[in-house]
N, C-alpha and C. Protein backbone atom coordinates (compact mmCIF):
# COMPACT_ATOMS: atom_id res chain seq x y z
N UNK A 1 0.84 -1.19 0.00
CA UNK A 1 0.00 0.00 0.00
C UNK A 1 0.88 1.25 0.00
N UNK A 2 0.64 2.09 -0.94
CA UNK A 2 1.45 3.30 -1.08
C UNK A 2 1.04 4.33 -0.02
N UNK A 3 2.04 4.96 0.59
CA UNK A 3 1.75 6.04 1.53
C UNK A 3 1.91 7.38 0.83
N UNK A 4 1.08 8.33 1.22
CA UNK A 4 1.12 9.66 0.61
C UNK A 4 2.47 10.32 0.83
N UNK A 5 2.86 11.11 -0.14
CA UNK A 5 4.11 11.84 -0.05
C UNK A 5 3.86 13.15 0.68
N UNK A 6 4.71 13.42 1.64
CA UNK A 6 4.68 14.71 2.32
C UNK A 6 6.01 15.39 2.04
N UNK A 7 5.98 16.70 1.98
CA UNK A 7 7.22 17.47 1.78
C UNK A 7 7.17 18.70 2.66
N UNK A 8 8.30 19.03 3.24
CA UNK A 8 8.39 20.28 3.99
C UNK A 8 9.72 20.94 3.65
N UNK A 9 9.75 22.25 3.81
CA UNK A 9 10.92 23.04 3.46
C UNK A 9 11.54 23.59 4.73
N UNK A 10 12.85 23.48 4.83
CA UNK A 10 13.60 24.06 5.95
C UNK A 10 14.74 24.88 5.39
N UNK A 11 15.18 25.85 6.17
CA UNK A 11 16.33 26.67 5.80
C UNK A 11 17.47 26.39 6.76
N UNK A 12 18.64 26.13 6.23
CA UNK A 12 19.84 25.89 7.02
C UNK A 12 20.96 26.80 6.49
N UNK A 13 22.09 26.73 7.14
CA UNK A 13 23.28 27.41 6.64
C UNK A 13 24.36 26.36 6.43
N UNK A 14 25.10 26.50 5.35
CA UNK A 14 26.22 25.60 5.09
C UNK A 14 27.34 25.92 6.08
N UNK A 15 28.34 25.03 6.20
CA UNK A 15 29.48 25.34 7.08
C UNK A 15 30.14 26.67 6.74
N UNK A 16 30.06 27.08 5.46
CA UNK A 16 30.65 28.36 5.05
C UNK A 16 29.68 29.53 5.24
N UNK A 17 28.48 29.23 5.74
CA UNK A 17 27.51 30.30 6.00
C UNK A 17 26.55 30.61 4.87
N UNK A 18 26.59 29.83 3.79
CA UNK A 18 25.67 30.06 2.68
C UNK A 18 24.29 29.52 3.02
N UNK A 19 23.23 30.20 2.58
CA UNK A 19 21.88 29.69 2.84
C UNK A 19 21.64 28.40 2.05
N UNK A 20 21.01 27.43 2.70
CA UNK A 20 20.71 26.14 2.08
C UNK A 20 19.23 25.85 2.31
N UNK A 21 18.54 25.48 1.24
CA UNK A 21 17.13 25.10 1.34
C UNK A 21 17.07 23.58 1.34
N UNK A 22 16.36 23.01 2.31
CA UNK A 22 16.23 21.56 2.41
C UNK A 22 14.78 21.18 2.13
N UNK A 23 14.59 20.27 1.17
CA UNK A 23 13.27 19.69 0.91
C UNK A 23 13.27 18.31 1.56
N UNK A 24 12.45 18.15 2.57
CA UNK A 24 12.39 16.87 3.29
C UNK A 24 11.14 16.10 2.83
N UNK A 25 11.38 14.95 2.20
CA UNK A 25 10.29 14.13 1.70
C UNK A 25 10.01 12.99 2.66
N UNK A 26 8.75 12.58 2.70
CA UNK A 26 8.33 11.48 3.57
C UNK A 26 7.25 10.68 2.85
N UNK A 27 7.28 9.36 3.01
CA UNK A 27 6.31 8.50 2.35
C UNK A 27 6.88 7.92 1.08
N UNK A 28 6.01 7.46 0.20
CA UNK A 28 6.42 6.90 -1.08
C UNK A 28 6.37 7.99 -2.15
N UNK A 29 7.26 7.90 -3.13
CA UNK A 29 7.25 8.86 -4.24
C UNK A 29 6.84 8.11 -5.50
N UNK A 30 5.71 8.54 -6.04
CA UNK A 30 5.13 7.88 -7.23
C UNK A 30 4.44 8.95 -8.08
N UNK A 31 3.67 8.54 -9.06
CA UNK A 31 3.01 9.50 -9.96
C UNK A 31 2.07 10.43 -9.19
N UNK A 32 1.51 9.96 -8.07
CA UNK A 32 0.61 10.80 -7.27
C UNK A 32 1.36 11.84 -6.44
N UNK A 33 2.67 11.86 -6.53
CA UNK A 33 3.50 12.75 -5.71
C UNK A 33 3.86 14.05 -6.40
N UNK A 34 3.25 14.33 -7.55
CA UNK A 34 3.64 15.50 -8.33
C UNK A 34 3.58 16.79 -7.53
N UNK A 35 2.49 17.00 -6.80
CA UNK A 35 2.35 18.24 -6.03
C UNK A 35 3.39 18.32 -4.92
N UNK A 36 3.63 17.21 -4.23
CA UNK A 36 4.61 17.21 -3.13
C UNK A 36 6.03 17.43 -3.64
N UNK A 37 6.37 16.83 -4.76
CA UNK A 37 7.74 16.93 -5.28
C UNK A 37 7.90 18.20 -6.12
N UNK A 38 7.22 18.27 -7.25
CA UNK A 38 7.38 19.42 -8.14
C UNK A 38 6.74 20.68 -7.57
N UNK A 39 5.56 20.55 -6.98
CA UNK A 39 4.88 21.72 -6.42
C UNK A 39 5.69 22.39 -5.34
N UNK A 40 6.26 21.58 -4.43
CA UNK A 40 7.08 22.13 -3.36
C UNK A 40 8.33 22.80 -3.93
N UNK A 41 8.97 22.14 -4.89
CA UNK A 41 10.16 22.73 -5.50
C UNK A 41 9.81 24.03 -6.23
N UNK A 42 8.75 24.01 -7.03
CA UNK A 42 8.41 25.18 -7.85
C UNK A 42 7.96 26.37 -7.01
N UNK A 43 7.54 26.13 -5.77
CA UNK A 43 7.13 27.23 -4.89
C UNK A 43 8.33 27.95 -4.27
N UNK A 44 9.52 27.38 -4.40
CA UNK A 44 10.72 28.01 -3.84
C UNK A 44 11.06 29.28 -4.60
N UNK A 45 11.63 30.24 -3.90
CA UNK A 45 12.11 31.46 -4.52
C UNK A 45 13.43 31.14 -5.22
N UNK A 46 13.44 31.18 -6.54
CA UNK A 46 14.62 30.79 -7.31
C UNK A 46 15.81 31.74 -7.10
N UNK A 47 15.52 32.96 -6.64
CA UNK A 47 16.59 33.92 -6.40
C UNK A 47 17.34 33.64 -5.09
N UNK A 48 16.65 33.07 -4.12
CA UNK A 48 17.29 32.82 -2.82
C UNK A 48 17.65 31.35 -2.62
N UNK A 49 16.95 30.44 -3.27
CA UNK A 49 17.21 29.00 -3.10
C UNK A 49 18.22 28.55 -4.16
N UNK A 50 19.49 28.87 -3.92
CA UNK A 50 20.53 28.53 -4.89
C UNK A 50 21.17 27.18 -4.59
N UNK A 51 21.13 26.76 -3.32
CA UNK A 51 21.66 25.45 -2.93
C UNK A 51 20.50 24.69 -2.29
N UNK A 52 20.21 23.51 -2.84
CA UNK A 52 19.07 22.72 -2.38
C UNK A 52 19.53 21.33 -1.98
N UNK A 53 19.11 20.90 -0.80
CA UNK A 53 19.33 19.52 -0.37
C UNK A 53 18.00 18.79 -0.44
N UNK A 54 18.02 17.59 -0.98
CA UNK A 54 16.84 16.74 -1.01
C UNK A 54 17.03 15.63 0.02
N UNK A 55 16.13 15.58 1.00
CA UNK A 55 16.23 14.61 2.08
C UNK A 55 15.29 13.44 1.81
N UNK A 56 15.88 12.27 1.56
CA UNK A 56 15.10 11.06 1.28
C UNK A 56 15.13 10.07 2.45
N UNK A 57 15.55 10.51 3.65
CA UNK A 57 15.71 9.57 4.76
C UNK A 57 14.39 8.93 5.18
N UNK A 58 13.25 9.59 4.96
CA UNK A 58 11.96 9.02 5.36
C UNK A 58 11.14 8.55 4.16
N UNK A 59 11.82 8.31 3.04
CA UNK A 59 11.16 7.78 1.85
C UNK A 59 11.46 6.29 1.77
N UNK A 60 10.40 5.49 1.76
CA UNK A 60 10.58 4.04 1.73
C UNK A 60 10.63 3.48 0.31
N UNK A 61 9.93 4.14 -0.60
CA UNK A 61 9.78 3.57 -1.94
C UNK A 61 9.68 4.67 -2.97
N UNK A 62 10.34 4.49 -4.10
CA UNK A 62 10.24 5.40 -5.24
C UNK A 62 10.05 4.53 -6.48
N UNK A 63 8.94 4.72 -7.18
CA UNK A 63 8.76 3.93 -8.41
C UNK A 63 9.26 4.74 -9.61
N UNK A 64 9.11 4.17 -10.79
CA UNK A 64 9.66 4.82 -11.99
C UNK A 64 9.01 6.18 -12.24
N UNK A 65 7.72 6.32 -11.95
CA UNK A 65 7.06 7.62 -12.11
C UNK A 65 7.62 8.63 -11.12
N UNK A 66 7.93 8.17 -9.91
CA UNK A 66 8.52 9.05 -8.91
C UNK A 66 9.92 9.49 -9.31
N UNK A 67 10.69 8.57 -9.87
CA UNK A 67 12.03 8.92 -10.36
C UNK A 67 11.92 9.96 -11.48
N UNK A 68 10.92 9.81 -12.34
CA UNK A 68 10.71 10.79 -13.42
C UNK A 68 10.41 12.18 -12.85
N UNK A 69 9.64 12.24 -11.76
CA UNK A 69 9.35 13.54 -11.12
C UNK A 69 10.63 14.15 -10.55
N UNK A 70 11.46 13.33 -9.91
CA UNK A 70 12.72 13.82 -9.36
C UNK A 70 13.61 14.35 -10.48
N UNK A 71 13.68 13.61 -11.59
CA UNK A 71 14.50 14.04 -12.73
C UNK A 71 13.98 15.37 -13.28
N UNK A 72 12.65 15.50 -13.41
CA UNK A 72 12.08 16.75 -13.91
C UNK A 72 12.45 17.92 -13.00
N UNK A 73 12.37 17.70 -11.69
CA UNK A 73 12.74 18.74 -10.73
C UNK A 73 14.22 19.11 -10.89
N UNK A 74 15.08 18.11 -11.06
CA UNK A 74 16.52 18.36 -11.18
C UNK A 74 16.85 19.11 -12.46
N UNK A 75 16.15 18.81 -13.55
CA UNK A 75 16.37 19.54 -14.80
C UNK A 75 15.96 21.00 -14.63
N UNK A 76 14.81 21.23 -13.98
CA UNK A 76 14.37 22.61 -13.73
C UNK A 76 15.40 23.34 -12.87
N UNK A 77 15.93 22.67 -11.84
CA UNK A 77 16.93 23.29 -10.97
C UNK A 77 18.19 23.62 -11.76
N UNK A 78 18.61 22.71 -12.62
CA UNK A 78 19.79 22.94 -13.44
C UNK A 78 19.58 24.15 -14.35
N UNK A 79 18.40 24.25 -14.93
CA UNK A 79 18.08 25.37 -15.81
C UNK A 79 18.02 26.70 -15.06
N UNK A 80 17.79 26.64 -13.74
CA UNK A 80 17.74 27.84 -12.90
C UNK A 80 19.06 28.10 -12.19
N UNK A 81 20.12 27.38 -12.59
CA UNK A 81 21.46 27.52 -12.01
C UNK A 81 21.47 27.25 -10.50
N UNK A 82 20.64 26.29 -10.08
CA UNK A 82 20.63 25.88 -8.68
C UNK A 82 21.49 24.62 -8.53
N UNK A 83 22.16 24.51 -7.40
CA UNK A 83 22.95 23.31 -7.09
C UNK A 83 22.09 22.41 -6.21
N UNK A 84 22.03 21.12 -6.55
CA UNK A 84 21.19 20.18 -5.80
C UNK A 84 22.04 19.01 -5.32
N UNK A 85 21.80 18.65 -4.07
CA UNK A 85 22.46 17.50 -3.44
C UNK A 85 21.37 16.68 -2.78
N UNK A 86 21.49 15.36 -2.86
CA UNK A 86 20.51 14.48 -2.24
C UNK A 86 21.20 13.61 -1.20
N UNK A 87 20.46 13.29 -0.15
CA UNK A 87 21.01 12.40 0.87
C UNK A 87 19.90 11.54 1.46
N UNK A 88 20.34 10.49 2.14
CA UNK A 88 19.38 9.63 2.83
C UNK A 88 18.77 8.55 1.97
N UNK A 89 19.30 8.33 0.78
CA UNK A 89 18.78 7.26 -0.08
C UNK A 89 19.31 5.91 0.40
N UNK A 90 18.48 4.89 0.27
CA UNK A 90 18.95 3.54 0.57
C UNK A 90 20.01 3.16 -0.46
N UNK A 91 20.76 2.11 -0.17
CA UNK A 91 21.79 1.65 -1.11
C UNK A 91 21.16 1.31 -2.46
N UNK A 92 19.98 0.70 -2.43
CA UNK A 92 19.29 0.34 -3.67
C UNK A 92 18.97 1.58 -4.50
N UNK A 93 18.39 2.61 -3.87
CA UNK A 93 18.01 3.79 -4.64
C UNK A 93 19.22 4.66 -5.01
N UNK A 94 20.29 4.59 -4.25
CA UNK A 94 21.52 5.25 -4.67
C UNK A 94 22.00 4.63 -5.98
N UNK A 95 21.94 3.31 -6.06
CA UNK A 95 22.34 2.60 -7.28
C UNK A 95 21.40 2.95 -8.44
N UNK A 96 20.09 2.95 -8.19
CA UNK A 96 19.11 3.28 -9.24
C UNK A 96 19.32 4.71 -9.72
N UNK A 97 19.47 5.67 -8.79
CA UNK A 97 19.67 7.07 -9.18
C UNK A 97 20.94 7.22 -10.02
N UNK A 98 21.98 6.48 -9.67
CA UNK A 98 23.23 6.52 -10.44
C UNK A 98 23.01 5.93 -11.83
N UNK A 99 22.30 4.81 -11.92
CA UNK A 99 22.06 4.14 -13.21
C UNK A 99 21.25 5.01 -14.16
N UNK A 100 20.27 5.78 -13.65
CA UNK A 100 19.43 6.58 -14.54
C UNK A 100 20.01 7.97 -14.81
N UNK A 101 21.20 8.24 -14.27
CA UNK A 101 21.89 9.48 -14.62
C UNK A 101 21.59 10.67 -13.73
N UNK A 102 20.95 10.45 -12.60
CA UNK A 102 20.63 11.57 -11.71
C UNK A 102 21.90 12.24 -11.19
N UNK A 103 22.99 11.50 -11.12
CA UNK A 103 24.24 12.07 -10.60
C UNK A 103 24.79 13.17 -11.51
N UNK A 104 24.28 13.30 -12.74
CA UNK A 104 24.67 14.42 -13.61
C UNK A 104 24.11 15.73 -13.07
N UNK A 105 23.00 15.63 -12.33
CA UNK A 105 22.28 16.81 -11.86
C UNK A 105 22.38 17.03 -10.35
N UNK A 106 22.72 15.99 -9.60
CA UNK A 106 22.73 16.11 -8.14
C UNK A 106 23.81 15.21 -7.54
N UNK A 107 24.50 15.74 -6.56
CA UNK A 107 25.43 14.92 -5.81
C UNK A 107 24.66 14.05 -4.83
N UNK A 108 25.09 12.81 -4.63
CA UNK A 108 24.41 11.89 -3.72
C UNK A 108 25.30 11.64 -2.51
N UNK A 109 24.73 11.77 -1.33
CA UNK A 109 25.48 11.60 -0.09
C UNK A 109 24.68 10.74 0.89
N UNK A 110 25.38 10.01 1.77
CA UNK A 110 24.67 9.18 2.74
C UNK A 110 23.89 9.99 3.78
N UNK A 111 24.47 11.12 4.24
CA UNK A 111 23.86 11.87 5.33
C UNK A 111 23.81 13.36 5.02
N UNK A 112 22.98 14.07 5.78
CA UNK A 112 22.90 15.51 5.65
C UNK A 112 24.24 16.16 5.97
N UNK A 113 24.89 15.68 7.01
CA UNK A 113 26.18 16.26 7.40
C UNK A 113 27.21 16.13 6.28
N UNK A 114 27.23 14.98 5.60
CA UNK A 114 28.18 14.79 4.50
C UNK A 114 27.82 15.67 3.30
N UNK A 115 26.53 15.85 3.04
CA UNK A 115 26.11 16.72 1.94
C UNK A 115 26.51 18.16 2.25
N UNK A 116 26.26 18.61 3.48
CA UNK A 116 26.63 19.98 3.86
C UNK A 116 28.14 20.19 3.81
N UNK A 117 28.89 19.18 4.21
CA UNK A 117 30.35 19.29 4.20
C UNK A 117 30.90 19.41 2.79
N UNK A 118 30.16 18.92 1.80
CA UNK A 118 30.61 18.98 0.41
C UNK A 118 30.35 20.32 -0.26
N UNK A 119 29.59 21.18 0.40
CA UNK A 119 29.23 22.46 -0.21
C UNK A 119 30.41 23.41 -0.27
């Protein structure tokens, strides 16, 4: 049974003091997640959200439609000159994201601390 996708936005500072926007996802990511994934991303202020972290630590499942939504978001971010880093993916989804080419658009890290340290 698929669980609804929830998303929330937090603001952090990088170790160097740069503003960082964190999108924290929860639940499963599938075709029904368009508003949670793309809607939340598209509501961000593109002028201030230059560094974005995607938190997948509370995501249990991502199907192919969900991966397509993530890719669409990453392409939009790339076109807006935003830097995106993702963390909290299981080993399986890290491998899937790498296989489908997401690493061209986003750095993948095990933890938030490691993603922030890479900024």
